[in-house]
Amino acid sequence: MTEPDRDQQAVGNIEPLLSVDEVAGLLRISESGVYRLIRREELCCVKVGSRTLFEQPELRAFIATKRKGSTTSTEELRSPRNEAA
């Protein structure tokens, strides 16, 4: 397993991508649980070579859709008008 990147500063408008183990830690689930969410297409990932990585805004959108009582859809969170906010 590779070490997480220590430099967490955004370059331009791009935030650092998160690894599977980082996402698992943030969501407090197992790494296999993260892969299960990917298979169910509930969580989007980025493949870079053999690594599975995650964009922070996608993770925030996923969390927002899982909030109890949330009526905001993932598509609404990704809409261009919300990007400018």
N, C-alpha and C. Protein backbone atom coordinates (compact mmCIF):
# COMPACT_ATOMS: atom_id res chain seq x y z
N MET A 1 0.85 -1.17 0.00
CA MET A 1 0.00 0.00 0.00
C MET A 1 0.90 1.23 0.00
N THR A 2 0.53 2.23 -0.75
CA THR A 2 1.33 3.43 -0.83
C THR A 2 0.92 4.42 0.25
N GLU A 3 1.85 5.28 0.60
CA GLU A 3 1.58 6.31 1.58
C GLU A 3 0.69 7.40 0.98
N PRO A 4 -0.22 7.97 1.76
CA PRO A 4 -1.01 9.09 1.25
C PRO A 4 -0.09 10.28 0.99
N ASP A 5 -0.46 11.11 0.04
CA ASP A 5 0.32 12.30 -0.25
C ASP A 5 0.29 13.22 0.96
N ARG A 6 1.45 13.71 1.33
CA ARG A 6 1.55 14.60 2.50
C ARG A 6 1.20 16.04 2.14
N ASP A 7 1.46 16.44 0.90
CA ASP A 7 1.17 17.81 0.48
C ASP A 7 -0.29 17.89 0.08
N GLN A 8 -1.12 18.46 0.93
CA GLN A 8 -2.56 18.50 0.70
C GLN A 8 -3.04 19.83 0.14
N GLN A 9 -2.12 20.61 -0.44
CA GLN A 9 -2.53 21.90 -1.00
C GLN A 9 -3.10 21.70 -2.39
N ALA A 10 -4.13 22.48 -2.70
CA ALA A 10 -4.74 22.44 -4.02
C ALA A 10 -3.80 23.11 -5.02
N VAL A 11 -3.75 22.55 -6.22
CA VAL A 11 -2.98 23.14 -7.30
C VAL A 11 -3.99 23.76 -8.25
N GLY A 12 -3.93 25.08 -8.40
CA GLY A 12 -4.94 25.76 -9.21
C GLY A 12 -6.30 25.55 -8.56
N ASN A 13 -7.26 25.06 -9.33
CA ASN A 13 -8.59 24.76 -8.81
C ASN A 13 -8.78 23.29 -8.52
N ILE A 14 -7.71 22.51 -8.55
CA ILE A 14 -7.82 21.07 -8.36
C ILE A 14 -7.39 20.69 -6.94
N GLU A 15 -8.32 20.09 -6.21
CA GLU A 15 -8.01 19.60 -4.87
C GLU A 15 -7.31 18.25 -5.00
N PRO A 16 -6.50 17.87 -4.02
CA PRO A 16 -5.84 16.57 -4.07
C PRO A 16 -6.88 15.44 -4.09
N LEU A 17 -6.59 14.40 -4.86
CA LEU A 17 -7.46 13.23 -4.91
C LEU A 17 -7.23 12.40 -3.66
N LEU A 18 -8.29 11.73 -3.22
CA LEU A 18 -8.22 10.89 -2.02
C LEU A 18 -8.10 9.43 -2.40
N SER A 19 -7.35 8.67 -1.62
CA SER A 19 -7.19 7.24 -1.86
C SER A 19 -8.34 6.47 -1.22
N VAL A 20 -8.41 5.19 -1.54
CA VAL A 20 -9.47 4.32 -0.98
C VAL A 20 -9.37 4.30 0.54
N ASP A 21 -8.16 4.15 1.07
CA ASP A 21 -8.04 4.08 2.53
C ASP A 21 -8.38 5.42 3.19
N GLU A 22 -8.10 6.53 2.53
CA GLU A 22 -8.48 7.83 3.08
C GLU A 22 -10.00 7.99 3.10
N VAL A 23 -10.66 7.59 2.01
CA VAL A 23 -12.12 7.68 1.94
C VAL A 23 -12.75 6.75 2.97
N ALA A 24 -12.21 5.56 3.09
CA ALA A 24 -12.72 4.61 4.10
C ALA A 24 -12.63 5.22 5.49
N GLY A 25 -11.50 5.86 5.79
CA GLY A 25 -11.32 6.51 7.08
C GLY A 25 -12.30 7.66 7.30
N LEU A 26 -12.49 8.48 6.27
CA LEU A 26 -13.41 9.61 6.38
C LEU A 26 -14.85 9.16 6.58
N LEU A 27 -15.24 8.09 5.87
CA LEU A 27 -16.61 7.58 5.98
C LEU A 27 -16.78 6.61 7.15
N ARG A 28 -15.66 6.23 7.75
CA ARG A 28 -15.64 5.27 8.85
C ARG A 28 -16.25 3.93 8.46
N ILE A 29 -15.84 3.47 7.26
CA ILE A 29 -16.24 2.15 6.77
C ILE A 29 -14.97 1.43 6.32
N SER A 30 -15.10 0.16 5.98
CA SER A 30 -13.95 -0.60 5.51
C SER A 30 -13.63 -0.26 4.06
N GLU A 31 -12.42 -0.61 3.64
CA GLU A 31 -12.04 -0.41 2.24
C GLU A 31 -12.96 -1.23 1.32
N SER A 32 -13.35 -2.43 1.76
CA SER A 32 -14.26 -3.23 0.93
C SER A 32 -15.63 -2.55 0.83
N GLY A 33 -16.02 -1.82 1.86
CA GLY A 33 -17.26 -1.05 1.81
C GLY A 33 -17.18 0.07 0.77
N VAL A 34 -16.01 0.68 0.63
CA VAL A 34 -15.81 1.71 -0.39
C VAL A 34 -15.96 1.09 -1.77
N TYR A 35 -15.31 -0.05 -1.99
CA TYR A 35 -15.42 -0.73 -3.29
C TYR A 35 -16.86 -1.16 -3.57
N ARG A 36 -17.60 -1.53 -2.54
CA ARG A 36 -19.01 -1.90 -2.70
C ARG A 36 -19.82 -0.69 -3.19
N LEU A 37 -19.56 0.48 -2.62
CA LEU A 37 -20.25 1.70 -3.05
C LEU A 37 -19.93 2.03 -4.50
N ILE A 38 -18.70 1.77 -4.92
CA ILE A 38 -18.31 2.00 -6.31
C ILE A 38 -19.08 1.05 -7.23
N ARG A 39 -19.12 -0.23 -6.87
CA ARG A 39 -19.84 -1.22 -7.68
C ARG A 39 -21.32 -0.87 -7.82
N ARG A 40 -21.91 -0.35 -6.75
CA ARG A 40 -23.33 0.03 -6.77
C ARG A 40 -23.55 1.38 -7.46
N GLU A 41 -22.46 1.98 -7.90
CA GLU A 41 -22.48 3.29 -8.56
C GLU A 41 -23.05 4.38 -7.65
N GLU A 42 -22.83 4.24 -6.36
CA GLU A 42 -23.23 5.26 -5.40
C GLU A 42 -22.11 6.26 -5.17
N LEU A 43 -20.88 5.85 -5.46
CA LEU A 43 -19.71 6.68 -5.24
C LEU A 43 -18.86 6.65 -6.50
N CYS A 44 -18.54 7.83 -7.02
CA CYS A 44 -17.75 7.94 -8.25
C CYS A 44 -16.27 7.93 -7.91
N CYS A 45 -15.49 7.32 -8.78
CA CYS A 45 -14.05 7.29 -8.57
C CYS A 45 -13.32 7.66 -9.86
N VAL A 46 -12.03 7.89 -9.72
CA VAL A 46 -11.15 8.19 -10.84
C VAL A 46 -10.06 7.12 -10.83
N LYS A 47 -9.85 6.47 -11.97
CA LYS A 47 -8.78 5.48 -12.07
C LYS A 47 -7.55 6.16 -12.67
N VAL A 48 -6.44 6.09 -11.96
CA VAL A 48 -5.15 6.60 -12.45
C VAL A 48 -4.19 5.43 -12.37
N GLY A 49 -3.93 4.85 -13.55
CA GLY A 49 -3.15 3.61 -13.56
C GLY A 49 -3.94 2.55 -12.83
N SER A 50 -3.31 1.94 -11.84
CA SER A 50 -4.00 0.90 -11.06
C SER A 50 -4.63 1.47 -9.79
N ARG A 51 -4.46 2.76 -9.56
CA ARG A 51 -5.00 3.37 -8.34
C ARG A 51 -6.43 3.83 -8.53
N THR A 52 -7.22 3.67 -7.49
CA THR A 52 -8.60 4.15 -7.44
C THR A 52 -8.59 5.37 -6.53
N LEU A 53 -8.97 6.51 -7.09
CA LEU A 53 -8.92 7.76 -6.34
C LEU A 53 -10.26 8.47 -6.39
N PHE A 54 -10.44 9.45 -5.52
CA PHE A 54 -11.73 10.13 -5.38
C PHE A 54 -11.54 11.63 -5.33
N GLU A 55 -12.44 12.34 -6.01
CA GLU A 55 -12.45 13.79 -5.96
C GLU A 55 -13.22 14.23 -4.72
N GLN A 56 -12.69 15.21 -4.03
CA GLN A 56 -13.32 15.67 -2.79
C GLN A 56 -14.74 16.20 -3.00
N PRO A 57 -15.01 16.96 -4.07
CA PRO A 57 -16.41 17.40 -4.26
C PRO A 57 -17.39 16.24 -4.46
N GLU A 58 -16.94 15.18 -5.13
CA GLU A 58 -17.80 13.99 -5.31
C GLU A 58 -18.10 13.34 -3.96
N LEU A 59 -17.09 13.30 -3.10
CA LEU A 59 -17.29 12.71 -1.77
C LEU A 59 -18.27 13.56 -0.96
N ARG A 60 -18.12 14.88 -1.05
CA ARG A 60 -19.06 15.77 -0.36
C ARG A 60 -20.48 15.57 -0.88
N ALA A 61 -20.63 15.43 -2.19
CA ALA A 61 -21.96 15.21 -2.79
C ALA A 61 -22.55 13.89 -2.30
N PHE A 62 -21.73 12.85 -2.24
CA PHE A 62 -22.19 11.55 -1.75
C PHE A 62 -22.69 11.67 -0.32
N ILE A 63 -21.91 12.34 0.52
CA ILE A 63 -22.31 12.51 1.92
C ILE A 63 -23.61 13.29 2.01
N ALA A 64 -23.75 14.34 1.21
CA ALA A 64 -24.96 15.16 1.24
C ALA A 64 -26.19 14.34 0.88
N THR A 65 -26.06 13.41 -0.07
CA THR A 65 -27.22 12.60 -0.46
C THR A 65 -27.59 11.58 0.61
N LYS A 66 -26.66 11.27 1.50
CA LYS A 66 -26.91 10.28 2.54
C LYS A 66 -27.41 10.90 3.84
N ARG A 67 -27.44 12.22 3.91
CA ARG A 67 -27.95 12.87 5.12
C ARG A 67 -29.41 12.51 5.33
N LYS A 68 -29.77 12.21 6.55
CA LYS A 68 -31.15 11.87 6.87
C LYS A 68 -32.03 13.08 6.58
N GLY A 69 -33.08 12.86 5.80
CA GLY A 69 -34.00 13.92 5.47
C GLY A 69 -33.57 14.77 4.29
N SER A 70 -32.44 14.41 3.66
CA SER A 70 -31.96 15.19 2.52
C SER A 70 -32.83 14.95 1.30
N THR A 71 -33.22 16.03 0.63
CA THR A 71 -33.99 15.90 -0.60
C THR A 71 -33.18 16.38 -1.80
N THR A 72 -31.93 16.79 -1.58
CA THR A 72 -31.07 17.27 -2.65
C THR A 72 -30.46 16.07 -3.37
N SER A 73 -30.63 16.03 -4.67
CA SER A 73 -30.05 14.94 -5.44
C SER A 73 -28.60 15.24 -5.79
N THR A 74 -27.85 14.22 -6.13
CA THR A 74 -26.46 14.38 -6.55
C THR A 74 -26.38 15.26 -7.78
N GLU A 75 -27.32 15.11 -8.72
CA GLU A 75 -27.30 15.92 -9.94
C GLU A 75 -27.47 17.39 -9.62
N GLU A 76 -28.32 17.71 -8.65
CA GLU A 76 -28.50 19.10 -8.26
C GLU A 76 -27.21 19.67 -7.69
N LEU A 77 -26.47 18.86 -6.92
CA LEU A 77 -25.22 19.31 -6.33
C LEU A 77 -24.15 19.55 -7.39
N ARG A 78 -24.22 18.84 -8.51
CA ARG A 78 -23.22 18.96 -9.57
C ARG A 78 -23.58 20.01 -10.62
N SER A 79 -24.76 20.61 -10.52
CA SER A 79 -25.20 21.52 -11.57
C SER A 79 -24.27 22.74 -11.65
N PRO A 80 -24.10 23.32 -12.86
CA PRO A 80 -23.20 24.45 -13.05
C PRO A 80 -23.52 25.64 -12.17
N ARG A 81 -24.77 25.88 -11.88
CA ARG A 81 -25.09 27.04 -11.03
C ARG A 81 -24.56 26.86 -9.62
N ASN A 82 -24.44 25.61 -9.14
CA ASN A 82 -23.89 25.38 -7.80
C ASN A 82 -22.37 25.39 -7.82
N GLU A 83 -21.74 25.16 -8.96
CA GLU A 83 -20.28 25.18 -9.08
C GLU A 83 -19.75 26.57 -8.83
N ALA A 84 -20.49 27.60 -9.24
CA ALA A 84 -20.01 28.97 -9.12
C ALA A 84 -20.14 29.49 -7.69
N ALA A 85 -20.95 28.84 -6.88
CA ALA A 85 -21.19 29.32 -5.51
C ALA A 85 -19.98 29.18 -4.62
